[in-house]
Amino acid sequence: MKNQEKVAEFVEKYDMEASPDYRLVDLVSEVGEVADDVSKSTGYGKRPEDVEVKEDEIGDVMFALLALADSLDVDAGEALDTAIEKYERRIRSKGAPDSGG
C-alpha cells in the first residue's frame, strides 16, 4: 500500500476529512515545528553541525503533505516524479536544479 493510501484510510477511519485550505495550514504548521527543532538544536544557527529534528516531526510533515495531496486528488507519487523530471531538465539545461537564473 502506498503511503498516500495509508494516510487516506486513516483519515477516513477517524473521520478527519478536511478541505485543502485546512490541510495547507496544517502542513505549514508542521513544517514550522521542524524549523523550530532546527532553530533550537542549532542555537538559532550558531551551531549548524548540531542540527536535530525529531523523527515524528518529519512524519507529521509527511502525513500533512499526503493528506493535502489526497484532498486535492493529486497522486503524490506522480507529483514527485514530475518534480524530479523538472529538476533533471533544469540541471541539463542550466547546470543547476533551481529555477533562478
N, C-alpha and C. Protein backbone atom coordinates (compact mmCIF):
# COMPACT_ATOMS: atom_id res chain seq x y z
N MET A 1 0.85 -1.18 0.00
CA MET A 1 0.00 0.00 0.00
C MET A 1 0.89 1.25 0.00
N LYS A 2 0.56 2.18 -0.85
CA LYS A 2 1.30 3.43 -0.92
C LYS A 2 1.02 4.28 0.32
N ASN A 3 1.99 5.11 0.68
CA ASN A 3 1.84 5.95 1.86
C ASN A 3 0.61 6.86 1.77
N GLN A 4 0.35 7.39 0.59
CA GLN A 4 -0.82 8.26 0.43
C GLN A 4 -2.10 7.50 0.72
N GLU A 5 -2.16 6.25 0.30
CA GLU A 5 -3.35 5.43 0.58
C GLU A 5 -3.48 5.16 2.07
N LYS A 6 -2.35 4.93 2.76
CA LYS A 6 -2.40 4.70 4.21
C LYS A 6 -2.96 5.92 4.92
N VAL A 7 -2.50 7.10 4.51
CA VAL A 7 -2.99 8.33 5.12
C VAL A 7 -4.48 8.50 4.84
N ALA A 8 -4.90 8.27 3.60
CA ALA A 8 -6.31 8.42 3.24
C ALA A 8 -7.19 7.47 4.04
N GLU A 9 -6.75 6.24 4.21
CA GLU A 9 -7.52 5.28 5.00
C GLU A 9 -7.61 5.72 6.46
N PHE A 10 -6.51 6.22 7.01
CA PHE A 10 -6.51 6.70 8.39
C PHE A 10 -7.46 7.88 8.56
N VAL A 11 -7.39 8.81 7.62
CA VAL A 11 -8.26 9.99 7.66
C VAL A 11 -9.72 9.56 7.62
N GLU A 12 -10.03 8.63 6.74
CA GLU A 12 -11.42 8.16 6.64
C GLU A 12 -11.85 7.41 7.90
N LYS A 13 -10.99 6.53 8.39
CA LYS A 13 -11.30 5.71 9.57
C LYS A 13 -11.63 6.59 10.78
N TYR A 14 -10.88 7.67 10.95
CA TYR A 14 -11.05 8.51 12.13
C TYR A 14 -11.82 9.80 11.84
N ASP A 15 -12.53 9.81 10.71
CA ASP A 15 -13.38 10.93 10.34
C ASP A 15 -12.64 12.27 10.45
N MET A 16 -11.49 12.33 9.78
CA MET A 16 -10.64 13.52 9.82
C MET A 16 -10.64 14.25 8.49
N GLU A 17 -11.68 14.07 7.70
CA GLU A 17 -11.75 14.74 6.41
C GLU A 17 -11.64 16.25 6.62
N ALA A 18 -10.95 16.91 5.70
CA ALA A 18 -10.79 18.36 5.79
C ALA A 18 -10.57 18.92 4.39
N SER A 19 -10.87 20.18 4.25
CA SER A 19 -10.70 20.85 2.96
C SER A 19 -9.22 21.13 2.69
N PRO A 20 -8.86 21.34 1.42
CA PRO A 20 -7.47 21.62 1.09
C PRO A 20 -6.89 22.82 1.82
N ASP A 21 -7.69 23.86 2.05
CA ASP A 21 -7.14 25.03 2.75
C ASP A 21 -6.76 24.68 4.18
N TYR A 22 -7.55 23.87 4.85
CA TYR A 22 -7.20 23.41 6.19
C TYR A 22 -5.93 22.56 6.13
N ARG A 23 -5.88 21.66 5.17
CA ARG A 23 -4.71 20.78 5.02
C ARG A 23 -3.44 21.60 4.80
N LEU A 24 -3.53 22.67 4.03
CA LEU A 24 -2.36 23.52 3.79
C LEU A 24 -1.91 24.21 5.07
N VAL A 25 -2.84 24.74 5.84
CA VAL A 25 -2.49 25.38 7.11
C VAL A 25 -1.83 24.36 8.05
N ASP A 26 -2.36 23.15 8.07
CA ASP A 26 -1.78 22.09 8.90
C ASP A 26 -0.35 21.78 8.45
N LEU A 27 -0.15 21.68 7.14
CA LEU A 27 1.18 21.39 6.61
C LEU A 27 2.17 22.49 7.00
N VAL A 28 1.80 23.73 6.83
CA VAL A 28 2.68 24.84 7.18
C VAL A 28 3.01 24.80 8.68
N SER A 29 2.03 24.49 9.49
CA SER A 29 2.24 24.39 10.93
C SER A 29 3.25 23.29 11.25
N GLU A 30 3.10 22.14 10.60
CA GLU A 30 4.02 21.03 10.86
C GLU A 30 5.44 21.36 10.38
N VAL A 31 5.58 22.01 9.24
CA VAL A 31 6.90 22.43 8.77
C VAL A 31 7.50 23.42 9.77
N GLY A 32 6.67 24.27 10.33
CA GLY A 32 7.13 25.21 11.35
C GLY A 32 7.69 24.49 12.57
N GLU A 33 7.10 23.36 12.94
CA GLU A 33 7.62 22.60 14.07
C GLU A 33 8.99 22.00 13.75
N VAL A 34 9.20 21.59 12.51
CA VAL A 34 10.52 21.10 12.10
C VAL A 34 11.53 22.26 12.17
N ALA A 35 11.13 23.41 11.66
CA ALA A 35 12.01 24.59 11.71
C ALA A 35 12.35 24.95 13.15
N ASP A 36 11.37 24.82 14.05
CA ASP A 36 11.62 25.10 15.46
C ASP A 36 12.66 24.13 16.02
N ASP A 37 12.54 22.84 15.69
CA ASP A 37 13.55 21.87 16.12
C ASP A 37 14.93 22.27 15.63
N VAL A 38 15.03 22.64 14.37
CA VAL A 38 16.31 23.03 13.79
C VAL A 38 16.86 24.27 14.48
N SER A 39 16.02 25.26 14.64
CA SER A 39 16.45 26.51 15.28
C SER A 39 16.98 26.26 16.69
N LYS A 40 16.21 25.54 17.47
CA LYS A 40 16.60 25.30 18.86
C LYS A 40 17.84 24.43 18.97
N SER A 41 17.92 23.37 18.17
CA SER A 41 19.05 22.45 18.29
C SER A 41 20.36 23.07 17.81
N THR A 42 20.28 24.07 16.96
CA THR A 42 21.49 24.71 16.44
C THR A 42 21.80 26.04 17.13
N GLY A 43 21.08 26.33 18.21
CA GLY A 43 21.29 27.62 18.86
C GLY A 43 20.95 28.75 17.91
N TYR A 44 19.86 28.58 17.18
CA TYR A 44 19.39 29.55 16.20
C TYR A 44 20.46 29.85 15.15
N GLY A 45 21.07 28.75 14.67
CA GLY A 45 22.02 28.84 13.56
C GLY A 45 23.47 28.99 13.96
N LYS A 46 23.74 29.11 15.24
CA LYS A 46 25.13 29.30 15.70
C LYS A 46 25.94 28.01 15.64
N ARG A 47 25.24 26.85 15.72
CA ARG A 47 25.93 25.56 15.68
C ARG A 47 25.24 24.64 14.68
N PRO A 48 25.35 24.91 13.38
CA PRO A 48 24.62 24.10 12.39
C PRO A 48 24.96 22.61 12.43
N GLU A 49 26.13 22.29 12.92
CA GLU A 49 26.54 20.88 13.00
C GLU A 49 25.73 20.11 14.05
N ASP A 50 25.03 20.81 14.92
CA ASP A 50 24.24 20.17 15.98
C ASP A 50 22.78 19.98 15.61
N VAL A 51 22.45 20.13 14.34
CA VAL A 51 21.04 20.07 13.93
C VAL A 51 20.41 18.74 14.33
N GLU A 52 19.22 18.85 14.92
CA GLU A 52 18.43 17.68 15.29
C GLU A 52 16.97 17.97 14.98
N VAL A 53 16.32 16.97 14.41
CA VAL A 53 14.88 17.04 14.15
C VAL A 53 14.30 15.72 14.62
N LYS A 54 13.24 15.79 15.40
CA LYS A 54 12.60 14.58 15.88
C LYS A 54 11.93 13.84 14.71
N GLU A 55 12.11 12.54 14.68
CA GLU A 55 11.56 11.71 13.61
C GLU A 55 10.05 11.90 13.46
N ASP A 56 9.35 11.99 14.59
CA ASP A 56 7.89 12.11 14.50
C ASP A 56 7.48 13.44 13.86
N GLU A 57 8.33 14.46 13.97
CA GLU A 57 8.02 15.73 13.33
C GLU A 57 8.10 15.60 11.80
N ILE A 58 9.08 14.85 11.32
CA ILE A 58 9.16 14.58 9.87
C ILE A 58 7.93 13.77 9.45
N GLY A 59 7.54 12.81 10.27
CA GLY A 59 6.34 12.03 9.99
C GLY A 59 5.09 12.90 9.93
N ASP A 60 5.00 13.87 10.84
CA ASP A 60 3.85 14.78 10.83
C ASP A 60 3.79 15.58 9.54
N VAL A 61 4.97 16.04 9.07
CA VAL A 61 5.02 16.79 7.80
C VAL A 61 4.58 15.90 6.65
N MET A 62 5.07 14.66 6.63
CA MET A 62 4.69 13.74 5.56
C MET A 62 3.19 13.45 5.59
N PHE A 63 2.64 13.21 6.78
CA PHE A 63 1.22 12.96 6.91
C PHE A 63 0.43 14.15 6.36
N ALA A 64 0.81 15.35 6.79
CA ALA A 64 0.08 16.55 6.38
C ALA A 64 0.18 16.77 4.87
N LEU A 65 1.36 16.53 4.29
CA LEU A 65 1.53 16.70 2.85
C LEU A 65 0.72 15.68 2.07
N LEU A 66 0.75 14.43 2.51
CA LEU A 66 -0.01 13.40 1.81
C LEU A 66 -1.51 13.61 1.96
N ALA A 67 -1.94 14.09 3.11
CA ALA A 67 -3.36 14.40 3.30
C ALA A 67 -3.77 15.56 2.40
N LEU A 68 -2.88 16.56 2.25
CA LEU A 68 -3.16 17.67 1.34
C LEU A 68 -3.28 17.17 -0.09
N ALA A 69 -2.32 16.36 -0.52
CA ALA A 69 -2.37 15.82 -1.88
C ALA A 69 -3.67 15.06 -2.10
N ASP A 70 -4.03 14.24 -1.14
CA ASP A 70 -5.26 13.45 -1.29
C ASP A 70 -6.48 14.35 -1.36
N SER A 71 -6.50 15.42 -0.57
CA SER A 71 -7.66 16.32 -0.58
C SER A 71 -7.78 17.07 -1.91
N LEU A 72 -6.67 17.16 -2.63
CA LEU A 72 -6.66 17.82 -3.94
C LEU A 72 -6.76 16.83 -5.10
N ASP A 73 -6.93 15.54 -4.77
CA ASP A 73 -6.95 14.47 -5.78
C ASP A 73 -5.68 14.47 -6.62
N VAL A 74 -4.56 14.69 -5.96
CA VAL A 74 -3.25 14.65 -6.61
C VAL A 74 -2.55 13.39 -6.15
N ASP A 75 -2.02 12.61 -7.08
CA ASP A 75 -1.23 11.44 -6.74
C ASP A 75 0.16 11.94 -6.35
N ALA A 76 0.52 11.80 -5.08
CA ALA A 76 1.79 12.33 -4.59
C ALA A 76 2.98 11.69 -5.29
N GLY A 77 2.90 10.41 -5.59
CA GLY A 77 3.99 9.74 -6.30
C GLY A 77 4.20 10.30 -7.69
N GLU A 78 3.10 10.52 -8.40
CA GLU A 78 3.21 11.11 -9.74
C GLU A 78 3.72 12.55 -9.66
N ALA A 79 3.28 13.29 -8.65
CA ALA A 79 3.74 14.67 -8.48
C ALA A 79 5.24 14.69 -8.21
N LEU A 80 5.73 13.74 -7.41
CA LEU A 80 7.17 13.65 -7.14
C LEU A 80 7.94 13.31 -8.41
N ASP A 81 7.43 12.36 -9.18
CA ASP A 81 8.09 12.01 -10.45
C ASP A 81 8.17 13.22 -11.38
N THR A 82 7.09 13.99 -11.45
CA THR A 82 7.07 15.20 -12.28
C THR A 82 8.10 16.20 -11.82
N ALA A 83 8.21 16.38 -10.49
CA ALA A 83 9.19 17.32 -9.94
C ALA A 83 10.61 16.88 -10.25
N ILE A 84 10.90 15.60 -10.10
CA ILE A 84 12.24 15.09 -10.38
C ILE A 84 12.59 15.29 -11.85
N GLU A 85 11.64 15.03 -12.73
CA GLU A 85 11.88 15.26 -14.16
C GLU A 85 12.16 16.73 -14.43
N LYS A 86 11.42 17.62 -13.77
CA LYS A 86 11.62 19.06 -13.93
C LYS A 86 13.03 19.44 -13.49
N TYR A 87 13.47 18.94 -12.32
CA TYR A 87 14.81 19.26 -11.84
C TYR A 87 15.89 18.71 -12.76
N GLU A 88 15.67 17.52 -13.30
CA GLU A 88 16.64 16.94 -14.24
C GLU A 88 16.75 17.80 -15.49
N ARG A 89 15.61 18.30 -16.01
CA ARG A 89 15.65 19.18 -17.19
C ARG A 89 16.44 20.45 -16.88
N ARG A 90 16.23 21.02 -15.71
CA ARG A 90 16.94 22.24 -15.33
C ARG A 90 18.44 21.98 -15.22
N ILE A 91 18.80 20.85 -14.62
CA ILE A 91 20.22 20.52 -14.49
C ILE A 91 20.86 20.37 -15.86
N ARG A 92 20.15 19.69 -16.76
CA ARG A 92 20.69 19.52 -18.12
C ARG A 92 20.81 20.85 -18.85
N SER A 93 19.83 21.72 -18.68
CA SER A 93 19.84 22.97 -19.46
C SER A 93 20.61 24.10 -18.79
N LYS A 94 20.57 24.16 -17.44
CA LYS A 94 21.18 25.29 -16.72
C LYS A 94 22.36 24.88 -15.84
N GLY A 95 22.51 23.58 -15.61
CA GLY A 95 23.58 23.11 -14.75
C GLY A 95 23.22 23.15 -13.27
N ALA A 96 21.99 23.51 -12.93
CA ALA A 96 21.55 23.58 -11.53
C ALA A 96 20.07 23.25 -11.46
N PRO A 97 19.61 22.69 -10.33
CA PRO A 97 18.20 22.32 -10.22
C PRO A 97 17.26 23.46 -9.90
N ASP A 98 17.78 24.60 -9.47
CA ASP A 98 16.90 25.70 -9.07
C ASP A 98 16.36 26.45 -10.28
N SER A 99 15.30 27.21 -10.06
CA SER A 99 14.69 27.93 -11.16
C SER A 99 15.29 29.31 -11.35
N GLY A 100 16.18 29.71 -10.45
CA GLY A 100 16.84 31.02 -10.55
C GLY A 100 17.74 31.10 -11.77
N GLY A 101 18.04 32.29 -12.15
CA GLY A 101 18.83 32.40 -13.37
C GLY A 101 20.04 33.18 -13.18
